[in-house]
Protein backbone atom coordinates (compact mmCIF):
# COMPACT_ATOMS: atom_id res chain seq x y z
CA MET A 1 -15.79 12.36 -3.21
CA LEU A 2 -13.53 12.34 -0.30
CA PRO A 3 -13.99 15.13 2.49
CA SER A 4 -10.89 17.66 1.71
CA HIS A 5 -9.45 17.19 5.03
CA TYR A 6 -8.78 13.17 3.94
CA ARG A 7 -6.89 14.32 0.73
CA LEU A 8 -3.39 14.88 0.39
CA ARG A 9 -3.02 18.04 -1.82
CA ASN A 10 0.23 19.55 -1.62
CA LYS A 11 3.33 18.35 -4.01
CA SER A 12 5.48 18.69 -0.94
CA ASP A 13 3.34 15.89 0.91
CA PHE A 14 3.37 13.55 -1.94
CA ALA A 15 7.12 13.80 -2.23
CA ARG A 16 7.31 13.05 1.39
CA VAL A 17 5.46 9.74 0.99
CA LEU A 18 6.79 8.81 -2.12
CA LYS A 19 10.44 9.53 -0.99
CA ASN A 20 10.27 8.05 2.71
CA GLY A 21 7.45 5.82 2.78
CA LYS A 22 7.15 2.33 2.95
CA SER A 23 5.54 0.09 0.12
CA LYS A 24 3.07 -2.60 -0.32
CA ASN A 25 2.04 -3.89 -4.00
CA SER A 26 -0.32 -5.97 -5.80
CA ARG A 27 -0.95 -6.75 -9.24
CA PHE A 28 -2.76 -3.56 -10.31
CA LEU A 29 -2.00 -1.47 -7.39
CA SER A 30 0.56 -0.11 -5.18
CA LEU A 31 0.38 1.41 -2.03
CA ARG A 32 2.96 3.99 -0.39
CA PHE A 33 2.19 5.29 3.34
CA ILE A 34 3.92 6.98 6.16
CA GLY A 35 3.04 8.21 9.40
CA ASN A 36 1.61 11.89 10.12
CA ASP A 37 0.99 14.00 13.03
CA TYR A 38 -2.93 14.41 12.46
CA PRO A 39 -5.88 12.58 13.89
CA PHE A 40 -7.08 11.17 10.69
CA SER A 41 -5.35 9.69 7.53
CA ARG A 42 -5.13 11.59 4.32
CA LEU A 43 -5.43 9.78 0.96
CA GLY A 44 -3.68 10.67 -2.50
CA LEU A 45 -3.98 8.82 -6.05
CA LEU A 46 -1.79 8.48 -8.60
CA VAL A 47 -2.39 7.65 -11.95
CA SER A 48 0.37 8.05 -14.99
CA LYS A 49 -0.05 9.06 -18.22
CA LYS A 50 2.98 6.15 -19.00
CA ALA A 51 0.46 3.61 -17.85
CA PHE A 52 -2.54 5.17 -19.37
CA LYS A 53 -2.25 7.14 -22.38
CA LYS A 54 -6.11 8.60 -22.35
CA ALA A 55 -7.09 11.15 -20.05
CA ASN A 56 -10.79 9.32 -20.16
CA GLN A 57 -9.06 6.33 -18.91
CA ARG A 58 -7.03 8.17 -16.10
CA ASN A 59 -10.13 9.79 -15.16
CA ARG A 60 -12.23 6.49 -14.90
CA ILE A 61 -9.72 4.87 -12.88
CA LYS A 62 -9.51 7.90 -10.21
CA ARG A 63 -13.22 7.96 -9.87
CA LYS A 64 -13.31 4.20 -9.21
CA LEU A 65 -10.32 4.46 -6.67
CA ARG A 66 -12.34 7.29 -5.19
CA GLU A 67 -15.34 5.56 -4.63
CA ALA A 68 -13.56 2.57 -3.19
CA LEU A 69 -11.76 4.17 -0.74
CA ARG A 70 -14.75 6.51 0.32
CA ALA A 71 -16.68 3.29 0.87
CA ASN A 72 -13.78 1.88 2.99
CA LEU A 73 -12.70 4.77 4.77
CA SER A 74 -13.89 3.59 8.14
CA LEU A 75 -11.25 0.64 7.72
CA ILE A 76 -8.40 2.80 7.58
CA LYS A 77 -6.34 3.51 10.81
CA PRO A 78 -5.99 7.25 11.64
CA GLY A 79 -2.80 9.07 11.57
CA GLN A 80 -1.25 7.80 8.17
CA ASP A 81 -0.55 9.37 4.73
CA LEU A 82 -1.30 7.04 2.14
CA ILE A 83 -0.58 7.22 -1.99
CA PHE A 84 -2.45 4.57 -3.92
CA ILE A 85 -0.47 4.26 -7.62
CA ALA A 86 -2.42 2.62 -10.50
CA ARG A 87 -0.59 0.20 -12.54
CA GLY A 88 -1.77 -0.87 -16.06
CA GLY A 89 -4.59 -3.27 -16.18
CA LEU A 90 -6.57 -1.67 -13.49
CA GLU A 91 -8.84 -0.31 -16.02
CA LYS A 92 -10.16 -3.88 -16.76
CA ASN A 93 -11.14 -4.33 -13.13
CA THR A 94 -14.66 -3.85 -11.71
CA LEU A 95 -15.15 -1.49 -8.61
CA ARG A 96 -15.59 -4.70 -6.57
CA GLU A 97 -12.31 -5.89 -7.56
CA THR A 98 -10.84 -2.76 -7.12
CA GLU A 99 -12.08 -2.38 -3.21
CA ALA A 100 -10.81 -5.97 -2.52
CA MET A 101 -7.43 -4.92 -3.92
CA ILE A 102 -7.55 -2.00 -1.53
CA ILE A 103 -8.47 -3.88 1.49
CA PHE A 104 -5.86 -6.65 0.68
CA LEU A 105 -3.30 -3.93 0.54
CA LEU A 106 -4.43 -2.22 3.92
CA LYS A 107 -4.17 -5.38 5.78
CA GLU A 108 -0.97 -6.25 4.37
CA ALA A 109 0.51 -2.87 5.38
CA GLY A 110 -1.15 -3.26 8.68
CA LEU A 111 -3.49 -0.07 8.55
CA ALA A 112 -6.50 -1.86 8.38
CA LYS A 113 -8.73 -1.68 11.51
CA GLU A 114 -9.42 -4.89 13.30
CA ASN A 115 -12.97 -5.97 13.24
CA LYS A 116 -14.74 -6.50 16.51
């Protein structure tokens, strides 16, 4: 589970990121992001009923995404609000594939910290 100060919670924060944020896409995952005024990044997840009909599918995908993000939280540059949007087909990916997709999107967006 992500610590609560790393989570996007308000509807207005989600709306701001979705309306004004930039985006990067991969096959099964999209990333929307925008800067914030905090010394840390906040993360949100969107898993729609349209793409995943059953609640257990949506819950499993959210658990997988949360774990992948928690394990790679140190890679994310501070001062960003990010929303990861699940697309159809993500339920078939393993945790490692999901992590690789997240890292790819972060690097594409320029939000990954440089390795030293």
